[in-house]
Amino acid sequence: MYGALWRLLPGPVWLRVIIVIALIAAALYGLFWYVFPWASQFISPQDSTIGG
């Protein structure tokens, strides 16, 4: 999987590394600003069933 992705990226190795870092940063940005706040509506950490 990762090898196929690496071969699809254009340019020399240093450019591929920069592209991969940018893709990871974009994925983390999307998770922290959109996915995690949306998912927090459905998850309530205060509702514990342990010890209760």
PDB file of N, CA and C in Angstrom:
ATOM      1  N   MET A   1       0.819  -1.187   0.000  1.00  0.00           N
ATOM      2  CA  MET A   1       0.000   0.000   0.000  1.00  0.00           C
ATOM      3  C   MET A   1       0.865   1.253   0.000  1.00  0.00           C
ATOM      4  N   TYR A   2       1.792   1.330   0.942  1.00  0.00           N
ATOM      5  CA  TYR A   2       2.620   2.518   1.025  1.00  0.00           C
ATOM      6  C   TYR A   2       3.583   2.606  -0.155  1.00  0.00           C
ATOM      7  N   GLY A   3       4.043   1.455  -0.625  1.00  0.00           N
ATOM      8  CA  GLY A   3       4.930   1.447  -1.783  1.00  0.00           C
ATOM      9  C   GLY A   3       4.239   1.950  -3.032  1.00  0.00           C
ATOM     10  N   ALA A   4       2.968   1.553  -3.209  1.00  0.00           N
ATOM     11  CA  ALA A   4       2.199   2.031  -4.362  1.00  0.00           C
ATOM     12  C   ALA A   4       1.987   3.536  -4.279  1.00  0.00           C
ATOM     13  N   LEU A   5       1.692   4.037  -3.091  1.00  0.00           N
ATOM     14  CA  LEU A   5       1.528   5.483  -2.909  1.00  0.00           C
ATOM     15  C   LEU A   5       2.830   6.211  -3.194  1.00  0.00           C
ATOM     16  N   TRP A   6       3.928   5.663  -2.721  1.00  0.00           N
ATOM     17  CA  TRP A   6       5.237   6.290  -2.923  1.00  0.00           C
ATOM     18  C   TRP A   6       5.579   6.358  -4.412  1.00  0.00           C
ATOM     19  N   ARG A   7       5.246   5.306  -5.166  1.00  0.00           N
ATOM     20  CA  ARG A   7       5.547   5.295  -6.597  1.00  0.00           C
ATOM     21  C   ARG A   7       4.653   6.256  -7.377  1.00  0.00           C
ATOM     22  N   LEU A   8       3.462   6.544  -6.869  1.00  0.00           N
ATOM     23  CA  LEU A   8       2.553   7.451  -7.562  1.00  0.00           C
ATOM     24  C   LEU A   8       2.949   8.920  -7.419  1.00  0.00           C
ATOM     25  N   LEU A   9       3.679   9.237  -6.368  1.00  0.00           N
ATOM     26  CA  LEU A   9       4.061  10.628  -6.138  1.00  0.00           C
ATOM     27  C   LEU A   9       5.118  11.066  -7.144  1.00  0.00           C
ATOM     28  N   PRO A  10       4.981  12.298  -7.657  1.00  0.00           N
ATOM     29  CA  PRO A  10       5.953  12.780  -8.648  1.00  0.00           C
ATOM     30  C   PRO A  10       7.214  13.339  -7.999  1.00  0.00           C
ATOM     31  N   GLY A  11       8.271  13.420  -8.776  1.00  0.00           N
ATOM     32  CA  GLY A  11       9.477  14.113  -8.365  1.00  0.00           C
ATOM     33  C   GLY A  11      10.508  13.247  -7.676  1.00  0.00           C
ATOM     34  N   PRO A  12      11.610  13.898  -7.296  1.00  0.00           N
ATOM     35  CA  PRO A  12      12.682  13.191  -6.586  1.00  0.00           C
ATOM     36  C   PRO A  12      12.272  12.906  -5.135  1.00  0.00           C
ATOM     37  N   VAL A  13      13.141  12.214  -4.426  1.00  0.00           N
ATOM     38  CA  VAL A  13      12.825  11.758  -3.069  1.00  0.00           C
ATOM     39  C   VAL A  13      12.525  12.935  -2.141  1.00  0.00           C
ATOM     40  N   TRP A  14      13.303  13.995  -2.208  1.00  0.00           N
ATOM     41  CA  TRP A  14      13.085  15.122  -1.293  1.00  0.00           C
ATOM     42  C   TRP A  14      11.715  15.763  -1.518  1.00  0.00           C
ATOM     43  N   LEU A  15      11.248  15.807  -2.759  1.00  0.00           N
ATOM     44  CA  LEU A  15       9.932  16.364  -3.050  1.00  0.00           C
ATOM     45  C   LEU A  15       8.827  15.423  -2.573  1.00  0.00           C
ATOM     46  N   ARG A  16       9.043  14.135  -2.719  1.00  0.00           N
ATOM     47  CA  ARG A  16       8.074  13.151  -2.239  1.00  0.00           C
ATOM     48  C   ARG A  16       7.913  13.243  -0.726  1.00  0.00           C
ATOM     49  N   VAL A  17       9.018  13.440  -0.024  1.00  0.00           N
ATOM     50  CA  VAL A  17       8.960  13.575   1.432  1.00  0.00           C
ATOM     51  C   VAL A  17       8.152  14.805   1.813  1.00  0.00           C
ATOM     52  N   ILE A  18       8.362  15.902   1.136  1.00  0.00           N
ATOM     53  CA  ILE A  18       7.608  17.133   1.410  1.00  0.00           C
ATOM     54  C   ILE A  18       6.121  16.925   1.132  1.00  0.00           C
ATOM     55  N   ILE A  19       5.797  16.238   0.040  1.00  0.00           N
ATOM     56  CA  ILE A  19       4.390  15.973  -0.292  1.00  0.00           C
ATOM     57  C   ILE A  19       3.748  15.086   0.764  1.00  0.00           C
ATOM     58  N   VAL A  20       4.465  14.058   1.215  1.00  0.00           N
ATOM     59  CA  VAL A  20       3.917  13.160   2.237  1.00  0.00           C
ATOM     60  C   VAL A  20       3.690  13.918   3.546  1.00  0.00           C
ATOM     61  N   ILE A  21       4.628  14.772   3.927  1.00  0.00           N
ATOM     62  CA  ILE A  21       4.455  15.569   5.145  1.00  0.00           C
ATOM     63  C   ILE A  21       3.245  16.488   5.013  1.00  0.00           C
ATOM     64  N   ALA A  22       3.073  17.103   3.847  1.00  0.00           N
ATOM     65  CA  ALA A  22       1.916  17.979   3.622  1.00  0.00           C
ATOM     66  C   ALA A  22       0.611  17.188   3.658  1.00  0.00           C
ATOM     67  N   LEU A  23       0.605  15.983   3.106  1.00  0.00           N
ATOM     68  CA  LEU A  23      -0.598  15.159   3.139  1.00  0.00           C
ATOM     69  C   LEU A  23      -0.946  14.731   4.566  1.00  0.00           C
ATOM     70  N   ILE A  24       0.057  14.379   5.341  1.00  0.00           N
ATOM     71  CA  ILE A  24      -0.188  14.011   6.737  1.00  0.00           C
ATOM     72  C   ILE A  24      -0.703  15.205   7.519  1.00  0.00           C
ATOM     73  N   ALA A  25      -0.108  16.381   7.290  1.00  0.00           N
ATOM     74  CA  ALA A  25      -0.564  17.590   7.985  1.00  0.00           C
ATOM     75  C   ALA A  25      -2.002  17.920   7.603  1.00  0.00           C
ATOM     76  N   ALA A  26      -2.357  17.769   6.337  1.00  0.00           N
ATOM     77  CA  ALA A  26      -3.729  18.036   5.897  1.00  0.00           C
ATOM     78  C   ALA A  26      -4.710  17.046   6.516  1.00  0.00           C
ATOM     79  N   ALA A  27      -4.315  15.797   6.612  1.00  0.00           N
ATOM     80  CA  ALA A  27      -5.187  14.790   7.230  1.00  0.00           C
ATOM     81  C   ALA A  27      -5.391  15.085   8.715  1.00  0.00           C
ATOM     82  N   LEU A  28      -4.330  15.446   9.421  1.00  0.00           N
ATOM     83  CA  LEU A  28      -4.458  15.787  10.835  1.00  0.00           C
ATOM     84  C   LEU A  28      -5.302  17.032  11.040  1.00  0.00           C
ATOM     85  N   TYR A  29      -5.125  18.015  10.180  1.00  0.00           N
ATOM     86  CA  TYR A  29      -5.936  19.240  10.251  1.00  0.00           C
ATOM     87  C   TYR A  29      -7.414  18.902  10.096  1.00  0.00           C
ATOM     88  N   GLY A  30      -7.728  18.087   9.113  1.00  0.00           N
ATOM     89  CA  GLY A  30      -9.113  17.696   8.897  1.00  0.00           C
ATOM     90  C   GLY A  30      -9.687  16.918  10.068  1.00  0.00           C
ATOM     91  N   LEU A  31      -8.884  16.040  10.651  1.00  0.00           N
ATOM     92  CA  LEU A  31      -9.352  15.276  11.801  1.00  0.00           C
ATOM     93  C   LEU A  31      -9.623  16.171  13.007  1.00  0.00           C
ATOM     94  N   PHE A  32      -8.671  17.047  13.338  1.00  0.00           N
ATOM     95  CA  PHE A  32      -8.811  17.860  14.538  1.00  0.00           C
ATOM     96  C   PHE A  32      -9.869  18.948  14.412  1.00  0.00           C
ATOM     97  N   TRP A  33     -10.074  19.493  13.221  1.00  0.00           N
ATOM     98  CA  TRP A  33     -11.016  20.608  13.072  1.00  0.00           C
ATOM     99  C   TRP A  33     -12.410  20.195  12.620  1.00  0.00           C
ATOM    100  N   TYR A  34     -12.564  19.003  12.042  1.00  0.00           N
ATOM    101  CA  TYR A  34     -13.872  18.607  11.529  1.00  0.00           C
ATOM    102  C   TYR A  34     -14.368  17.272  12.088  1.00  0.00           C
ATOM    103  N   VAL A  35     -13.553  16.246  12.039  1.00  0.00           N
ATOM    104  CA  VAL A  35     -14.010  14.899  12.404  1.00  0.00           C
ATOM    105  C   VAL A  35     -14.135  14.752  13.917  1.00  0.00           C
ATOM    106  N   PHE A  36     -13.108  15.112  14.679  1.00  0.00           N
ATOM    107  CA  PHE A  36     -13.159  14.922  16.126  1.00  0.00           C
ATOM    108  C   PHE A  36     -14.257  15.752  16.793  1.00  0.00           C
ATOM    109  N   PRO A  37     -14.452  17.035  16.437  1.00  0.00           N
ATOM    110  CA  PRO A  37     -15.584  17.765  17.040  1.00  0.00           C
ATOM    111  C   PRO A  37     -16.935  17.149  16.679  1.00  0.00           C
ATOM    112  N   TRP A  38     -17.080  16.669  15.455  1.00  0.00           N
ATOM    113  CA  TRP A  38     -18.328  16.025  15.061  1.00  0.00           C
ATOM    114  C   TRP A  38     -18.556  14.741  15.853  1.00  0.00           C
ATOM    115  N   ALA A  39     -17.507  13.944  16.016  1.00  0.00           N
ATOM    116  CA  ALA A  39     -17.625  12.675  16.729  1.00  0.00           C
ATOM    117  C   ALA A  39     -17.826  12.878  18.229  1.00  0.00           C
ATOM    118  N   SER A  40     -17.376  13.991  18.777  1.00  0.00           N
ATOM    119  CA  SER A  40     -17.528  14.226  20.214  1.00  0.00           C
ATOM    120  C   SER A  40     -18.989  14.394  20.617  1.00  0.00           C
ATOM    121  N   GLN A  41     -19.861  14.691  19.680  1.00  0.00           N
ATOM    122  CA  GLN A  41     -21.287  14.788  19.978  1.00  0.00           C
ATOM    123  C   GLN A  41     -21.847  13.430  20.389  1.00  0.00           C
ATOM    124  N   PHE A  42     -21.265  12.372  19.875  1.00  0.00           N
ATOM    125  CA  PHE A  42     -21.767  11.026  20.108  1.00  0.00           C
ATOM    126  C   PHE A  42     -21.038  10.287  21.223  1.00  0.00           C
ATOM    127  N   ILE A  43     -19.939  10.849  21.712  1.00  0.00           N
ATOM    128  CA  ILE A  43     -19.134  10.206  22.739  1.00  0.00           C
ATOM    129  C   ILE A  43     -19.207  11.049  24.007  1.00  0.00           C
ATOM    130  N   SER A  44     -19.620  10.438  25.087  1.00  0.00           N
ATOM    131  CA  SER A  44     -19.707  11.140  26.357  1.00  0.00           C
ATOM    132  C   SER A  44     -18.788  10.454  27.356  1.00  0.00           C
ATOM    133  N   PRO A  45     -17.602  11.001  27.611  1.00  0.00           N
ATOM    134  CA  PRO A  45     -16.659  10.343  28.514  1.00  0.00           C
ATOM    135  C   PRO A  45     -17.128  10.329  29.973  1.00  0.00           C
ATOM    136  N   GLN A  46     -18.096  11.164  30.347  1.00  0.00           N
ATOM    137  CA  GLN A  46     -18.578  11.190  31.717  1.00  0.00           C
ATOM    138  C   GLN A  46     -19.527  10.024  31.998  1.00  0.00           C
ATOM    139  N   ASP A  47     -20.123   9.429  30.985  1.00  0.00           N
ATOM    140  CA  ASP A  47     -21.028   8.308  31.177  1.00  0.00           C
ATOM    141  C   ASP A  47     -20.236   6.998  31.248  1.00  0.00           C
ATOM    142  N   SER A  48     -19.712   6.714  32.422  1.00  0.00           N
ATOM    143  CA  SER A  48     -18.906   5.524  32.625  1.00  0.00           C
ATOM    144  C   SER A  48     -19.739   4.412  33.247  1.00  0.00           C
ATOM    145  N   THR A  49     -19.477   3.192  32.845  1.00  0.00           N
ATOM    146  CA  THR A  49     -20.160   2.051  33.434  1.00  0.00           C
ATOM    147  C   THR A  49     -19.257   1.279  34.393  1.00  0.00           C
ATOM    148  N   ILE A  50     -18.027   1.729  34.567  1.00  0.00           N
ATOM    149  CA  ILE A  50     -17.083   1.057  35.450  1.00  0.00           C
ATOM    150  C   ILE A  50     -17.292   1.556  36.871  1.00  0.00           C
ATOM    151  N   GLY A  51     -17.458   0.654  37.795  1.00  0.00           N
ATOM    152  CA  GLY A  51     -17.582   1.007  39.202  1.00  0.00           C
ATOM    153  C   GLY A  51     -18.929   1.612  39.557  1.00  0.00           C
ATOM    154  N   GLY A  52     -19.891   1.475  38.697  1.00  0.00           N
ATOM    155  CA  GLY A  52     -21.124   2.153  38.986  1.00  0.00           C
ATOM    156  C   GLY A  52     -22.295   1.301  39.151  1.00  0.00           C
TER     157      GLY A  52
END
